């Protein structure tokens, strides 16, 4: 069964949640944050080592994680140059 990506807009950025299965019942946070610019969109992937048993819980965490990156709340992860 093919999983679809979930997308939300936040502060002129697009957060694309694409949790990855790492074990039979474990999902890891993986997101792509993009922003439209002259010349086309700029994108950057991010991942977090937190795992979840349910894909839906991982998706929720993806969006929270992406918002925290955009808000500058996570050291070493930035979208300032996108």
C-alpha atoms as a PDB file:
ATOM      1  CA  UNK A   1       0.000   0.000   0.000  1.00  0.00           C
ATOM      2  CA  UNK A   2       1.439   3.330  -1.055  1.00  0.00           C
ATOM      3  CA  UNK A   3       1.445   6.078   1.561  1.00  0.00           C
ATOM      4  CA  UNK A   4       0.731   9.654   0.552  1.00  0.00           C
ATOM      5  CA  UNK A   5       2.576  12.641   1.890  1.00  0.00           C
ATOM      6  CA  UNK A   6       0.763  15.171   4.026  1.00  0.00           C
ATOM      7  CA  UNK A   7       1.306  18.894   3.370  1.00  0.00           C
ATOM      8  CA  UNK A   8       0.643  22.046   5.423  1.00  0.00           C
ATOM      9  CA  UNK A   9       1.555  25.679   4.932  1.00  0.00           C
ATOM     10  CA  UNK A  10       3.103  27.648   7.789  1.00  0.00           C
ATOM     11  CA  UNK A  11       4.501  31.196   7.664  1.00  0.00           C
ATOM     12  CA  UNK A  12       5.027  31.172   3.860  1.00  0.00           C
ATOM     13  CA  UNK A  13       6.758  27.770   4.032  1.00  0.00           C
ATOM     14  CA  UNK A  14       5.395  24.379   3.024  1.00  0.00           C
ATOM     15  CA  UNK A  15       5.975  21.462   5.386  1.00  0.00           C
ATOM     16  CA  UNK A  16       5.726  18.085   3.716  1.00  0.00           C
ATOM     17  CA  UNK A  17       5.415  15.196   6.175  1.00  0.00           C
ATOM     18  CA  UNK A  18       6.721  11.880   4.909  1.00  0.00           C
ATOM     19  CA  UNK A  19       7.325   9.613   7.926  1.00  0.00           C
ATOM     20  CA  UNK A  20       9.539   6.648   7.154  1.00  0.00           C
ATOM     21  CA  UNK A  21       8.994   3.136   8.451  1.00  0.00           C
ATOM     22  CA  UNK A  22      12.141   2.037  10.288  1.00  0.00           C
ATOM     23  CA  UNK A  23      10.821  -1.155  11.847  1.00  0.00           C
ATOM     24  CA  UNK A  24       7.669  -3.207  11.498  1.00  0.00           C
ATOM     25  CA  UNK A  25       5.690  -0.904  13.797  1.00  0.00           C
ATOM     26  CA  UNK A  26       7.960   2.143  14.085  1.00  0.00           C
ATOM     27  CA  UNK A  27       7.768   5.381  12.110  1.00  0.00           C
ATOM     28  CA  UNK A  28      10.560   7.962  12.044  1.00  0.00           C
ATOM     29  CA  UNK A  29      10.018  11.678  11.475  1.00  0.00           C
ATOM     30  CA  UNK A  30      11.079  12.862   8.019  1.00  0.00           C
ATOM     31  CA  UNK A  31      10.018  16.195   6.519  1.00  0.00           C
ATOM     32  CA  UNK A  32      10.821  18.489   3.643  1.00  0.00           C
ATOM     33  CA  UNK A  33      10.419  22.232   4.134  1.00  0.00           C
ATOM     34  CA  UNK A  34      10.157  24.375   1.020  1.00  0.00           C
ATOM     35  CA  UNK A  35       9.606  27.987   0.097  1.00  0.00           C
ATOM     36  CA  UNK A  36       8.722  29.560  -3.228  1.00  0.00           C
ATOM     37  CA  UNK A  37      11.374  31.966  -4.484  1.00  0.00           C
ATOM     38  CA  UNK A  38      12.205  33.664  -7.758  1.00  0.00           C
ATOM     39  CA  UNK A  39      13.676  30.974  -9.969  1.00  0.00           C
ATOM     40  CA  UNK A  40      11.717  28.182  -8.302  1.00  0.00           C
ATOM     41  CA  UNK A  41      11.189  26.594  -4.911  1.00  0.00           C
ATOM     42  CA  UNK A  42      13.979  25.962  -2.472  1.00  0.00           C
ATOM     43  CA  UNK A  43      13.752  22.815  -0.391  1.00  0.00           C
ATOM     44  CA  UNK A  44      15.535  21.234   2.554  1.00  0.00           C
ATOM     45  CA  UNK A  45      14.965  17.842   4.191  1.00  0.00           C
ATOM     46  CA  UNK A  46      15.040  17.298   7.956  1.00  0.00           C
ATOM     47  CA  UNK A  47      14.672  14.233  10.131  1.00  0.00           C
ATOM     48  CA  UNK A  48      14.284  13.475  13.804  1.00  0.00           C
ATOM     49  CA  UNK A  49      15.194  10.261  15.617  1.00  0.00           C
ATOM     50  CA  UNK A  50      11.915  10.170  17.540  1.00  0.00           C
ATOM     51  CA  UNK A  51       9.847   7.133  16.533  1.00  0.00           C
ATOM     52  CA  UNK A  52       6.139   6.393  16.792  1.00  0.00           C
ATOM     53  CA  UNK A  53       4.082   3.224  16.608  1.00  0.00           C
ATOM     54  CA  UNK A  54       1.348   4.874  14.527  1.00  0.00           C
ATOM     55  CA  UNK A  55       1.930   6.699  11.257  1.00  0.00           C
ATOM     56  CA  UNK A  56      -0.668   9.328  12.188  1.00  0.00           C
ATOM     57  CA  UNK A  57       1.245  10.185  15.372  1.00  0.00           C
ATOM     58  CA  UNK A  58       4.430  10.511  13.313  1.00  0.00           C
ATOM     59  CA  UNK A  59       2.657  12.859  10.894  1.00  0.00           C
ATOM     60  CA  UNK A  60       1.484  15.057  13.762  1.00  0.00           C
ATOM     61  CA  UNK A  61       5.035  15.182  15.089  1.00  0.00           C
ATOM     62  CA  UNK A  62       6.342  16.012  11.597  1.00  0.00           C
ATOM     63  CA  UNK A  63       4.249  19.180  11.474  1.00  0.00           C
ATOM     64  CA  UNK A  64       5.162  20.206  15.027  1.00  0.00           C
ATOM     65  CA  UNK A  65       8.829  19.528  14.252  1.00  0.00           C
ATOM     66  CA  UNK A  66       8.635  21.580  11.039  1.00  0.00           C
ATOM     67  CA  UNK A  67       6.967  24.521  12.779  1.00  0.00           C
ATOM     68  CA  UNK A  68       9.647  24.494  15.479  1.00  0.00           C
ATOM     69  CA  UNK A  69      12.386  24.536  12.818  1.00  0.00           C
ATOM     70  CA  UNK A  70      10.717  27.438  10.996  1.00  0.00           C
ATOM     71  CA  UNK A  71      10.337  29.311  14.304  1.00  0.00           C
ATOM     72  CA  UNK A  72      14.074  28.830  15.013  1.00  0.00           C
ATOM     73  CA  UNK A  73      13.516  26.693  18.104  1.00  0.00           C
ATOM     74  CA  UNK A  74      15.809  23.779  17.191  1.00  0.00           C
ATOM     75  CA  UNK A  75      19.566  24.325  17.373  1.00  0.00           C
ATOM     76  CA  UNK A  76      21.438  23.440  14.206  1.00  0.00           C
ATOM     77  CA  UNK A  77      18.324  23.336  12.019  1.00  0.00           C
ATOM     78  CA  UNK A  78      17.361  26.426  10.039  1.00  0.00           C
ATOM     79  CA  UNK A  79      15.406  27.577   7.042  1.00  0.00           C
ATOM     80  CA  UNK A  80      16.703  31.156   7.122  1.00  0.00           C
ATOM     81  CA  UNK A  81      18.448  30.796   3.747  1.00  0.00           C
ATOM     82  CA  UNK A  82      15.528  29.156   1.930  1.00  0.00           C
END
